[in-house]
Amino acid sequence: MRKVTLYHNPKCTKSRQALEEIKKRHFEYETIEYLKFPLTKKEIRELLVKLNMGVKEIIRKEESIYKEKYKTSEFTNEEWLEILEANPKLMQRPIMVIGDKATIGRPLENVIELLNS
């Protein structure tokens, strides 16, 4: 059975739902509380490859820190990686990884689709 990695925020409803779906299907899994253990720029880059997304696509634009500090400025991809590394709260959640594929768990159907693949 394939192992699932879930970048998880236990305070987030969607993240808890994703974890419950993984448990319900009896997958072997690891949770990484990325707010406690922020990802490095290298790890974020690797995650982006698995997500098949650009860095700007995983930014949480509704977060107050985004609106206060970043919304009105332009940043390079490298600068966004540095911003995410310093402010993990800005990263979309949950993110689930299986092998070389990943998905953002909003909506939950994304998690179910990847678990079924």
C-alpha atoms as a PDB file:
ATOM      1  CA  MET A   1       0.000   0.000   0.000  1.00  0.00           C
ATOM      2  CA  ARG A   2       1.205   3.480  -0.839  1.00  0.00           C
ATOM      3  CA  LYS A   3       2.095   5.861   1.965  1.00  0.00           C
ATOM      4  CA  VAL A   4       0.286   9.177   2.229  1.00  0.00           C
ATOM      5  CA  THR A   5       1.882  12.355   3.535  1.00  0.00           C
ATOM      6  CA  LEU A   6      -0.485  15.054   4.709  1.00  0.00           C
ATOM      7  CA  TYR A   7       0.713  18.605   5.326  1.00  0.00           C
ATOM      8  CA  HIS A   8      -1.721  19.219   8.082  1.00  0.00           C
ATOM      9  CA  ASN A   9      -3.133  21.957  10.284  1.00  0.00           C
ATOM     10  CA  PRO A  10      -5.202  20.290  13.020  1.00  0.00           C
ATOM     11  CA  LYS A  11      -7.172  23.509  13.555  1.00  0.00           C
ATOM     12  CA  CYS A  12      -8.401  23.467   9.939  1.00  0.00           C
ATOM     13  CA  THR A  13     -11.686  21.697   9.211  1.00  0.00           C
ATOM     14  CA  LYS A  14     -10.642  20.730   5.671  1.00  0.00           C
ATOM     15  CA  SER A  15      -7.369  19.344   6.947  1.00  0.00           C
ATOM     16  CA  ARG A  16      -9.143  17.242   9.584  1.00  0.00           C
ATOM     17  CA  GLN A  17     -11.586  15.980   6.939  1.00  0.00           C
ATOM     18  CA  ALA A  18      -8.699  14.927   4.702  1.00  0.00           C
ATOM     19  CA  LEU A  19      -7.055  13.064   7.571  1.00  0.00           C
ATOM     20  CA  GLU A  20     -10.323  11.286   8.397  1.00  0.00           C
ATOM     21  CA  GLU A  21     -10.680  10.208   4.756  1.00  0.00           C
ATOM     22  CA  ILE A  22      -7.148   8.788   4.787  1.00  0.00           C
ATOM     23  CA  LYS A  23      -7.822   6.919   8.045  1.00  0.00           C
ATOM     24  CA  LYS A  24     -11.183   5.649   6.835  1.00  0.00           C
ATOM     25  CA  ARG A  25      -9.482   4.023   3.869  1.00  0.00           C
ATOM     26  CA  HIS A  26      -6.755   2.503   6.067  1.00  0.00           C
ATOM     27  CA  PHE A  27      -3.837   4.109   4.244  1.00  0.00           C
ATOM     28  CA  GLU A  28      -0.456   4.212   5.918  1.00  0.00           C
ATOM     29  CA  TYR A  29       0.137   7.911   6.537  1.00  0.00           C
ATOM     30  CA  GLU A  30       2.327  10.570   8.034  1.00  0.00           C
ATOM     31  CA  THR A  31       1.112  13.998   9.079  1.00  0.00           C
ATOM     32  CA  ILE A  32       3.391  16.999   9.018  1.00  0.00           C
ATOM     33  CA  GLU A  33       2.164  19.964  11.005  1.00  0.00           C
ATOM     34  CA  TYR A  34       3.729  22.505   8.699  1.00  0.00           C
ATOM     35  CA  LEU A  35       2.924  25.436  10.999  1.00  0.00           C
ATOM     36  CA  LYS A  36       5.104  23.861  13.712  1.00  0.00           C
ATOM     37  CA  PHE A  37       7.687  22.519  11.265  1.00  0.00           C
ATOM     38  CA  PRO A  38       7.794  24.944   8.316  1.00  0.00           C
ATOM     39  CA  LEU A  39       8.922  23.672   4.957  1.00  0.00           C
ATOM     40  CA  THR A  40      12.185  24.867   3.484  1.00  0.00           C
ATOM     41  CA  LYS A  41      12.294  26.529   0.075  1.00  0.00           C
ATOM     42  CA  LYS A  42      13.659  23.261  -1.335  1.00  0.00           C
ATOM     43  CA  GLU A  43      10.768  21.270   0.152  1.00  0.00           C
ATOM     44  CA  ILE A  44       8.230  23.785  -1.174  1.00  0.00           C
ATOM     45  CA  ARG A  45       9.783  23.536  -4.660  1.00  0.00           C
ATOM     46  CA  GLU A  46       9.531  19.720  -4.517  1.00  0.00           C
ATOM     47  CA  LEU A  47       5.907  19.991  -3.412  1.00  0.00           C
ATOM     48  CA  LEU A  48       5.126  22.371  -6.286  1.00  0.00           C
ATOM     49  CA  VAL A  49       6.477  19.838  -8.786  1.00  0.00           C
ATOM     50  CA  LYS A  50       4.219  17.150  -7.327  1.00  0.00           C
ATOM     51  CA  LEU A  51       1.268  19.557  -7.349  1.00  0.00           C
ATOM     52  CA  ASN A  52       2.110  20.668 -10.901  1.00  0.00           C
ATOM     53  CA  MET A  53       1.544  24.265  -9.751  1.00  0.00           C
ATOM     54  CA  GLY A  54       3.378  27.533  -9.512  1.00  0.00           C
ATOM     55  CA  VAL A  55       4.198  29.057  -6.156  1.00  0.00           C
ATOM     56  CA  LYS A  56       1.558  31.795  -6.488  1.00  0.00           C
ATOM     57  CA  GLU A  57      -1.137  29.131  -6.828  1.00  0.00           C
ATOM     58  CA  ILE A  58      -0.599  27.844  -3.296  1.00  0.00           C
ATOM     59  CA  ILE A  59      -0.805  31.232  -1.585  1.00  0.00           C
ATOM     60  CA  ARG A  60      -3.761  31.726   0.772  1.00  0.00           C
ATOM     61  CA  LYS A  61      -4.943  35.135  -0.359  1.00  0.00           C
ATOM     62  CA  GLU A  62      -7.613  35.443   2.332  1.00  0.00           C
ATOM     63  CA  GLU A  63      -5.115  35.406   5.197  1.00  0.00           C
ATOM     64  CA  SER A  64      -4.806  38.739   6.982  1.00  0.00           C
ATOM     65  CA  ILE A  65      -1.008  38.661   6.704  1.00  0.00           C
ATOM     66  CA  TYR A  66      -1.322  38.384   2.910  1.00  0.00           C
ATOM     67  CA  LYS A  67      -3.721  41.321   2.737  1.00  0.00           C
ATOM     68  CA  GLU A  68      -1.615  43.452   5.088  1.00  0.00           C
ATOM     69  CA  LYS A  69       1.879  42.732   3.770  1.00  0.00           C
ATOM     70  CA  TYR A  70       1.848  41.147   0.327  1.00  0.00           C
ATOM     71  CA  LYS A  71      -1.341  41.848  -1.639  1.00  0.00           C
ATOM     72  CA  THR A  72      -0.265  45.115  -3.227  1.00  0.00           C
ATOM     73  CA  SER A  73       3.319  44.135  -4.084  1.00  0.00           C
ATOM     74  CA  GLU A  74       4.871  42.088  -6.858  1.00  0.00           C
ATOM     75  CA  PHE A  75       7.302  39.315  -5.944  1.00  0.00           C
ATOM     76  CA  THR A  76       9.401  36.892  -7.944  1.00  0.00           C
ATOM     77  CA  ASN A  77       8.843  33.169  -7.513  1.00  0.00           C
ATOM     78  CA  GLU A  78      12.032  32.997  -5.432  1.00  0.00           C
ATOM     79  CA  GLU A  79      10.761  35.789  -3.179  1.00  0.00           C
ATOM     80  CA  TRP A  80       7.429  33.982  -2.771  1.00  0.00           C
ATOM     81  CA  LEU A  81       9.314  30.852  -1.720  1.00  0.00           C
ATOM     82  CA  GLU A  82      11.134  32.887   0.917  1.00  0.00           C
ATOM     83  CA  ILE A  83       7.841  34.420   2.067  1.00  0.00           C
ATOM     84  CA  LEU A  84       6.220  30.975   2.384  1.00  0.00           C
ATOM     85  CA  GLU A  85       9.216  29.607   4.226  1.00  0.00           C
ATOM     86  CA  ALA A  86       8.955  32.477   6.741  1.00  0.00           C
ATOM     87  CA  ASN A  87       5.123  32.487   6.843  1.00  0.00           C
ATOM     88  CA  PRO A  88       3.847  28.906   6.494  1.00  0.00           C
ATOM     89  CA  LYS A  89       0.338  30.084   7.346  1.00  0.00           C
ATOM     90  CA  LEU A  90       0.173  31.484   3.806  1.00  0.00           C
ATOM     91  CA  MET A  91       0.369  28.022   2.234  1.00  0.00           C
ATOM     92  CA  GLN A  92      -2.830  26.328   1.085  1.00  0.00           C
ATOM     93  CA  ARG A  93      -3.955  23.441   3.232  1.00  0.00           C
ATOM     94  CA  PRO A  94      -4.180  20.602   3.471  1.00  0.00           C
ATOM     95  CA  ILE A  95      -1.753  19.262   0.905  1.00  0.00           C
ATOM     96  CA  MET A  96      -1.683  15.508   0.425  1.00  0.00           C
ATOM     97  CA  VAL A  97       1.147  13.640  -1.285  1.00  0.00           C
ATOM     98  CA  ILE A  98       1.218  10.090  -2.599  1.00  0.00           C
ATOM     99  CA  GLY A  99       4.418   9.184  -4.406  1.00  0.00           C
ATOM    100  CA  ASP A 100       5.170  11.784  -7.036  1.00  0.00           C
ATOM    101  CA  LYS A 101       1.671  13.314  -7.031  1.00  0.00           C
ATOM    102  CA  ALA A 102       0.045  15.801  -4.698  1.00  0.00           C
ATOM    103  CA  THR A 103      -3.186  17.714  -4.350  1.00  0.00           C
ATOM    104  CA  ILE A 104      -4.597  20.551  -2.331  1.00  0.00           C
ATOM    105  CA  GLY A 105      -7.403  19.099  -0.216  1.00  0.00           C
ATOM    106  CA  ARG A 106      -9.912  21.832  -1.007  1.00  0.00           C
ATOM    107  CA  PRO A 107     -12.407  20.518  -1.884  1.00  0.00           C
ATOM    108  CA  LEU A 108     -12.282  17.111  -0.215  1.00  0.00           C
ATOM    109  CA  GLU A 109     -13.030  15.532  -3.596  1.00  0.00           C
ATOM    110  CA  ASN A 110      -9.407  16.302  -4.564  1.00  0.00           C
ATOM    111  CA  VAL A 111      -8.216  14.068  -1.716  1.00  0.00           C
ATOM    112  CA  ILE A 112     -10.638  11.301  -2.649  1.00  0.00           C
ATOM    113  CA  GLU A 113      -9.575  11.450  -6.300  1.00  0.00           C
ATOM    114  CA  LEU A 114      -5.886  11.116  -5.435  1.00  0.00           C
ATOM    115  CA  LEU A 115      -6.550   8.313  -2.946  1.00  0.00           C
ATOM    116  CA  ASN A 116      -8.478   6.471  -5.673  1.00  0.00           C
ATOM    117  CA  SER A 117      -5.753   6.886  -8.319  1.00  0.00           C
END
